[in-house]
Amino acid sequence: MKVSRGLPNPPLPPHPVLTIGNFDGQHLGHRHLLSTVVNWARECHGTPMVLTFDPHPVQVLNPKFNFKFLTTQNEKLQWFETVGVEHLVILEFTKAFAALSPKEFVQSILRDGLGVRDIFVGEHFVFGKGRAGNVSILTELGNRANFQVHLLKPLGSADKIVSSTRIRTLIQQGHMDEARECLGRPYALEGTVIEGEQRGEGLGYRTANLRLPIDRVIPPDGIYVTTMQWKDKVFPSVSYIGTRPTFGQGERLLEVHLLDEECQLYGEHIHVHFLKYVRGDEVFDSSEALAARIALDVEIAKEVLANELPRS
């Protein structure tokens, strides 16, 4: 996959088939859109392309809003290549760029800059200064610029549209099952394992601890059924997000306990996939009471994972 930061230099690729968006989360709606673009480009011997922006428009237009991402930039780039995108164009999103009128955007970016021949968008697509452009305006301007606009309806029912905004809300409320249905995979966080306070080991449940990324959507504090991926291997696990209030408030961490194995993971990079929310964070009267509750959490996780993971 070719990656252009800024409009690409000539010569432009043959018959560009484009879609536009931020694609945070790479959910089922995004997958449907990208597969349609890729398949159409193959049929017409064209080039499947994506136009995206960095930074995210919300970070420029509403900088006081504490925007959180569903995926990292590297995950997004890898996904584009995996689904068959051949050319990714990343434009810097600035206030000057946001001030382009719909007509200026179509002429300078889509027609002159990218030579678009086909473009696929959702029915709620908006563009240009003040979000003044819509699908109808894009179609009219596209006719003048010699490209065709194709409209795709969103996935899901009227009250449960698959969207990044809805998925963020589901995760923040702990609805990991519904978020997974929209994403087409479990939500995941990644990071480098740090040395903790060994509280879990003292209770008989050793954990790998991660600092929570400040720019990612984080599920609420509590216990989760998870899997942990390290290198090419996936381990069944149960995870905790919180500050360990039974022992006094500490740093908010993600702590992962492997169910069947022990690994030396300090300094290693791991991914944690969230399958199911078990319970919220609690304060226990004693270490013994906490250990007893963790034992129950582990049994719940094993029961859930027995239906999730392939049998060896």
Protein backbone atom coordinates (compact mmCIF):
# COMPACT_ATOMS: atom_id res chain seq x y z
CA MET A 1 0.00 0.00 0.00
CA LYS A 2 1.31 3.43 -0.95
CA VAL A 3 0.92 6.12 1.73
CA SER A 4 0.92 9.79 0.73
CA ARG A 5 1.07 12.49 3.39
CA GLY A 6 -0.40 15.35 1.45
CA LEU A 7 -1.75 15.20 -2.08
CA PRO A 8 0.25 12.71 -4.19
CA ASN A 9 2.59 13.82 -6.93
CA PRO A 10 1.73 12.98 -10.55
CA PRO A 11 1.27 10.67 -12.24
CA LEU A 12 -1.97 9.78 -10.47
CA PRO A 13 -2.99 6.11 -10.21
CA PRO A 14 -5.36 4.68 -12.83
CA HIS A 15 -9.10 5.23 -12.23
CA PRO A 16 -9.06 6.18 -8.52
CA VAL A 17 -11.99 4.68 -6.57
CA LEU A 18 -12.14 6.64 -3.32
CA THR A 19 -13.81 6.80 0.03
CA ILE A 20 -13.31 9.44 2.72
CA GLY A 21 -13.31 9.20 6.49
CA ASN A 22 -11.41 8.80 9.73
CA PHE A 23 -12.22 5.08 10.12
CA ASP A 24 -11.56 5.00 13.86
CA GLY A 25 -12.42 1.52 15.11
CA GLN A 26 -12.59 -0.22 11.73
CA HIS A 27 -16.06 -1.48 12.65
CA LEU A 28 -18.40 -3.56 10.50
CA GLY A 29 -19.74 -0.48 8.71
CA HIS A 30 -16.21 0.56 7.79
CA ARG A 31 -15.42 -2.96 6.61
CA HIS A 32 -18.50 -3.01 4.38
CA LEU A 33 -17.58 0.35 2.87
CA LEU A 34 -13.94 -0.59 2.23
CA SER A 35 -14.78 -4.00 0.76
CA THR A 36 -17.23 -2.29 -1.62
CA VAL A 37 -14.53 0.18 -2.72
CA VAL A 38 -11.96 -2.57 -3.22
CA ASN A 39 -14.34 -4.82 -5.17
CA TRP A 40 -15.54 -1.96 -7.39
CA ALA A 41 -11.94 -0.96 -8.16
CA ARG A 42 -11.12 -4.53 -9.16
CA GLU A 43 -14.13 -4.68 -11.48
CA CYS A 44 -13.12 -1.51 -13.31
CA HIS A 45 -9.36 -2.15 -13.14
CA GLY A 46 -9.00 0.90 -10.94
CA THR A 47 -7.17 1.81 -7.73
CA PRO A 48 -8.90 1.48 -4.33
CA MET A 49 -8.03 4.61 -2.34
CA VAL A 50 -8.80 6.13 1.04
CA LEU A 51 -8.62 9.81 1.98
CA THR A 52 -8.25 10.38 5.71
CA PHE A 53 -7.09 13.17 8.00
CA ASP A 54 -4.54 13.80 10.73
CA PRO A 55 -5.18 15.11 13.30
CA HIS A 56 -8.80 14.05 13.73
CA PRO A 57 -11.08 16.98 12.75
CA VAL A 58 -12.63 17.10 16.24
CA GLN A 59 -9.20 17.83 17.72
CA VAL A 60 -8.92 20.93 15.52
CA LEU A 61 -12.50 22.18 15.47
CA ASN A 62 -13.24 21.47 19.14
CA PRO A 63 -9.86 21.25 20.92
CA LYS A 64 -11.42 21.45 24.40
CA PHE A 65 -13.29 18.18 23.78
CA ASN A 66 -11.37 15.27 25.29
CA PHE A 67 -11.55 13.03 22.22
CA LYS A 68 -10.65 9.36 22.66
CA PHE A 69 -9.76 6.83 19.95
CA LEU A 70 -10.90 3.24 19.43
CA THR A 71 -7.69 2.20 17.67
CA THR A 72 -4.12 3.37 17.26
CA GLN A 73 -2.79 4.93 14.07
CA ASN A 74 -0.63 1.87 13.38
CA GLU A 75 -3.63 -0.46 13.73
CA LYS A 76 -5.54 1.67 11.26
CA LEU A 77 -2.74 1.64 8.68
CA GLN A 78 -2.29 -2.11 8.97
CA TRP A 79 -6.02 -2.64 8.54
CA PHE A 80 -6.20 -0.52 5.38
CA GLU A 81 -3.49 -2.64 3.81
CA THR A 82 -5.09 -5.91 4.96
CA VAL A 83 -8.46 -5.10 3.38
CA GLY A 84 -6.90 -4.25 0.03
CA VAL A 85 -6.49 -0.47 -0.06
CA GLU A 86 -3.71 0.34 -2.54
CA HIS A 87 -3.26 4.05 -1.90
CA LEU A 88 -3.84 5.89 1.38
CA VAL A 89 -3.81 9.68 1.32
CA ILE A 90 -3.43 11.43 4.68
CA LEU A 91 -4.13 15.16 4.63
CA GLU A 92 -3.26 17.46 7.49
CA PHE A 93 -6.51 18.79 8.93
CA THR A 94 -6.16 22.48 9.75
CA LYS A 95 -8.56 25.35 10.26
CA ALA A 96 -7.63 26.59 6.77
CA PHE A 97 -8.49 23.19 5.31
CA ALA A 98 -11.78 23.16 7.24
CA ALA A 99 -12.61 26.55 5.68
CA LEU A 100 -12.71 25.14 2.13
CA SER A 101 -16.18 25.40 0.62
CA PRO A 102 -17.75 22.22 -0.76
CA LYS A 103 -16.98 23.42 -4.29
CA GLU A 104 -13.35 24.21 -3.43
CA PHE A 105 -12.93 20.83 -1.75
CA VAL A 106 -14.27 18.94 -4.74
CA GLN A 107 -12.26 20.91 -7.29
CA SER A 108 -8.91 21.21 -5.48
CA ILE A 109 -8.83 17.91 -3.58
CA LEU A 110 -11.02 15.36 -5.35
CA ARG A 111 -10.73 16.48 -8.99
CA ASP A 112 -7.33 18.16 -9.33
CA GLY A 113 -5.50 16.56 -6.41
CA LEU A 114 -6.70 12.95 -6.64
CA GLY A 115 -8.31 12.61 -10.06
CA VAL A 116 -11.25 10.72 -8.55
CA ARG A 117 -13.46 8.72 -10.92
CA ASP A 118 -15.72 6.98 -8.38
CA ILE A 119 -16.39 7.88 -4.75
CA PHE A 120 -18.31 5.88 -2.14
CA VAL A 121 -19.86 7.63 0.88
CA GLY A 122 -22.52 7.01 3.50
CA GLU A 123 -25.90 8.73 3.36
CA HIS A 124 -24.97 11.09 6.22
CA PHE A 125 -21.67 12.20 4.65
CA VAL A 126 -20.97 15.94 5.03
CA PHE A 127 -17.99 18.02 3.94
CA GLY A 128 -16.73 21.54 3.42
CA LYS A 129 -16.92 24.69 5.52
CA GLY A 130 -19.55 24.47 8.22
CA ARG A 131 -20.41 20.94 7.03
CA ALA A 132 -22.38 22.65 4.27
CA GLY A 133 -21.85 19.90 1.70
CA ASN A 134 -23.99 16.76 1.68
CA VAL A 135 -24.49 13.79 -0.63
CA SER A 136 -26.79 15.73 -2.93
CA ILE A 137 -24.27 18.57 -3.33
CA LEU A 138 -21.41 16.09 -3.76
CA THR A 139 -23.34 14.34 -6.53
CA GLU A 140 -24.02 17.62 -8.32
CA LEU A 141 -20.40 18.76 -8.03
CA GLY A 142 -19.17 15.29 -8.99
CA ASN A 143 -21.13 15.41 -12.24
CA ARG A 144 -19.30 18.61 -13.14
CA ALA A 145 -15.93 17.18 -12.08
CA ASN A 146 -16.43 13.94 -14.06
CA PHE A 147 -16.73 11.48 -11.18
CA GLN A 148 -19.61 9.34 -9.99
CA VAL A 149 -20.95 9.30 -6.43
CA HIS A 150 -22.13 5.97 -4.95
CA LEU A 151 -24.26 5.97 -1.81
CA LEU A 152 -24.06 3.23 0.85
CA LYS A 153 -26.65 2.93 3.61
CA PRO A 154 -25.40 2.44 7.18
CA LEU A 155 -25.43 -0.99 8.80
CA GLY A 156 -27.82 -1.69 11.66
CA SER A 157 -31.40 -0.70 12.51
CA ALA A 158 -32.60 2.88 12.84
CA ASP A 159 -31.92 3.03 16.59
CA LYS A 160 -28.78 0.90 16.52
CA ILE A 161 -26.66 2.21 13.67
CA VAL A 162 -23.12 0.85 13.64
CA SER A 163 -20.95 3.91 14.20
CA SER A 164 -17.73 4.84 16.01
CA THR A 165 -19.68 7.22 18.26
CA ARG A 166 -22.07 4.48 19.37
CA ILE A 167 -19.20 2.05 19.96
CA ARG A 168 -17.36 4.57 22.15
CA THR A 169 -20.48 4.95 24.28
CA LEU A 170 -20.99 1.20 24.57
CA ILE A 171 -17.40 0.66 25.74
CA GLN A 172 -17.53 3.52 28.23
CA GLN A 173 -20.69 1.95 29.69
CA GLY A 174 -19.13 -1.52 29.89
CA HIS A 175 -21.33 -3.08 27.19
CA MET A 176 -18.48 -5.08 25.71
CA ASP A 177 -20.76 -7.65 24.05
CA GLU A 178 -22.62 -5.01 22.02
CA ALA A 179 -19.40 -3.19 21.19
CA ARG A 180 -17.97 -6.46 19.93
CA GLU A 181 -21.01 -7.01 17.69
CA CYS A 182 -20.46 -3.60 16.09
CA LEU A 183 -16.70 -3.98 15.75
CA GLY A 184 -16.83 -7.54 14.51
CA ARG A 185 -14.13 -8.39 17.08
CA PRO A 186 -13.45 -7.76 20.79
CA TYR A 187 -12.30 -4.30 21.78
CA ALA A 188 -8.59 -4.30 22.64
CA LEU A 189 -6.00 -2.23 24.46
CA GLU A 190 -2.24 -2.67 24.18
CA GLY A 191 0.84 -1.62 26.05
CA THR A 192 4.11 -2.56 27.67
CA VAL A 193 3.99 -4.57 30.90
CA ILE A 194 5.28 -2.64 33.92
CA GLU A 195 6.22 -3.79 37.41
CA GLY A 196 3.36 -3.29 39.85
CA GLU A 197 2.98 -3.58 43.61
CA GLN A 198 2.66 -7.40 43.52
CA ARG A 199 -0.72 -7.16 45.25
CA GLY A 200 -2.16 -9.84 42.97
CA GLU A 201 0.74 -12.20 43.56
CA GLY A 202 0.24 -11.81 47.30
CA LEU A 203 -3.38 -12.88 46.86
CA GLY A 204 -2.38 -15.85 44.74
CA TYR A 205 -3.24 -14.21 41.41
CA ARG A 206 -0.18 -12.85 39.64
CA THR A 207 -0.92 -10.09 37.11
CA ALA A 208 0.70 -8.33 34.18
CA ASN A 209 0.12 -4.60 34.61
CA LEU A 210 -0.35 -1.95 31.92
CA ARG A 211 -0.68 1.79 32.18
CA LEU A 212 -3.86 2.91 30.45
CA PRO A 213 -3.26 4.93 27.24
CA ILE A 214 -4.45 8.51 27.68
CA ASP A 215 -5.83 8.82 24.14
CA ARG A 216 -7.90 5.62 24.03
CA VAL A 217 -11.49 4.81 25.01
CA ILE A 218 -11.28 2.99 28.36
CA PRO A 219 -13.97 0.67 29.76
CA PRO A 220 -15.26 1.43 33.28
CA ASP A 221 -13.45 0.14 36.35
CA GLY A 222 -14.15 -3.47 37.14
CA ILE A 223 -13.52 -7.09 36.19
CA TYR A 224 -13.56 -8.43 32.61
CA VAL A 225 -13.28 -11.75 30.84
CA THR A 226 -10.40 -11.24 28.41
CA THR A 227 -7.80 -12.87 26.25
CA MET A 228 -4.20 -11.69 26.24
CA GLN A 229 -2.10 -11.82 23.09
CA TRP A 230 1.68 -11.93 23.41
CA LYS A 231 3.63 -12.36 20.21
CA ASP A 232 1.70 -15.03 18.26
CA LYS A 233 0.05 -16.74 21.20
CA VAL A 234 -3.35 -16.05 22.82
CA PHE A 235 -3.89 -16.75 26.52
CA PRO A 236 -7.23 -16.97 28.38
CA SER A 237 -7.31 -14.34 31.10
CA VAL A 238 -9.34 -12.27 33.51
CA SER A 239 -8.56 -8.56 33.79
CA TYR A 240 -9.14 -5.69 36.17
CA ILE A 241 -9.28 -1.95 35.53
CA GLY A 242 -9.08 0.27 38.57
CA THR A 243 -7.15 1.75 41.46
CA ARG A 244 -7.27 -1.20 43.94
CA PRO A 245 -9.43 0.69 46.50
CA THR A 246 -9.29 -2.15 49.05
CA PHE A 247 -5.64 -1.16 49.63
CA GLY A 248 -6.15 2.59 49.29
CA GLN A 249 -6.31 4.56 46.06
CA GLY A 250 -3.45 3.86 43.66
CA GLU A 251 -2.64 4.49 40.01
CA ARG A 252 -5.42 3.39 37.67
CA LEU A 253 -4.06 0.38 35.80
CA LEU A 254 -5.10 -2.52 33.62
CA GLU A 255 -4.10 -5.76 35.39
CA VAL A 256 -4.23 -9.08 33.52
CA HIS A 257 -4.21 -12.50 35.19
CA LEU A 258 -3.48 -15.50 32.96
CA LEU A 259 -5.73 -18.45 33.81
CA ASP A 260 -3.67 -21.43 32.71
CA GLU A 261 -0.06 -20.32 32.45
CA GLU A 262 2.55 -18.05 33.94
CA CYS A 263 4.85 -15.96 31.73
CA GLN A 264 7.62 -13.51 32.51
CA LEU A 265 6.18 -10.45 30.76
CA TYR A 266 7.95 -7.42 32.27
CA GLY A 267 8.89 -5.10 29.44
CA GLU A 268 6.92 -7.12 26.86
CA HIS A 269 4.27 -5.61 24.58
CA ILE A 270 0.86 -7.28 24.92
CA HIS A 271 -2.70 -6.85 23.62
CA VAL A 272 -5.72 -7.37 25.88
CA HIS A 273 -9.04 -8.24 24.23
CA PHE A 274 -12.21 -7.57 26.23
CA LEU A 275 -14.92 -10.22 25.85
CA LYS A 276 -17.33 -9.61 28.72
CA TYR A 277 -17.89 -7.26 31.66
CA VAL A 278 -18.25 -9.26 34.90
CA ARG A 279 -18.72 -6.70 37.68
CA GLY A 280 -17.77 -3.24 38.85
CA ASP A 281 -14.93 -2.32 41.17
CA GLU A 282 -15.54 -2.97 44.87
CA VAL A 283 -13.96 -2.28 48.26
CA PHE A 284 -13.53 -5.43 50.36
CA ASP A 285 -13.21 -5.69 54.14
CA SER A 286 -10.09 -7.86 53.95
CA SER A 287 -7.56 -9.40 51.61
CA GLU A 288 -9.21 -12.77 52.22
CA ALA A 289 -12.60 -11.47 51.07
CA LEU A 290 -11.01 -9.99 47.95
CA ALA A 291 -9.21 -13.25 47.17
CA ALA A 292 -12.48 -15.19 47.53
CA ARG A 293 -14.21 -12.83 45.11
CA ILE A 294 -11.35 -13.07 42.62
CA ALA A 295 -11.66 -16.87 42.76
CA LEU A 296 -15.31 -16.52 41.75
CA ASP A 297 -14.36 -14.09 38.97
CA VAL A 298 -11.87 -16.63 37.65
CA GLU A 299 -14.53 -19.36 37.56
CA ILE A 300 -16.90 -17.05 35.68
CA ALA A 301 -14.14 -16.24 33.18
CA LYS A 302 -13.34 -19.90 32.65
CA GLU A 303 -17.00 -20.65 31.94
CA VAL A 304 -17.25 -17.83 29.39
CA LEU A 305 -13.95 -18.70 27.74
CA ALA A 306 -14.88 -22.39 27.44
CA ASN A 307 -17.38 -21.30 24.78
CA GLU A 308 -15.06 -18.74 23.17
CA LEU A 309 -11.71 -20.42 22.63
CA PRO A 310 -11.03 -23.47 20.45
CA ARG A 311 -10.48 -26.69 22.33
CA SER A 312 -6.94 -28.07 22.16
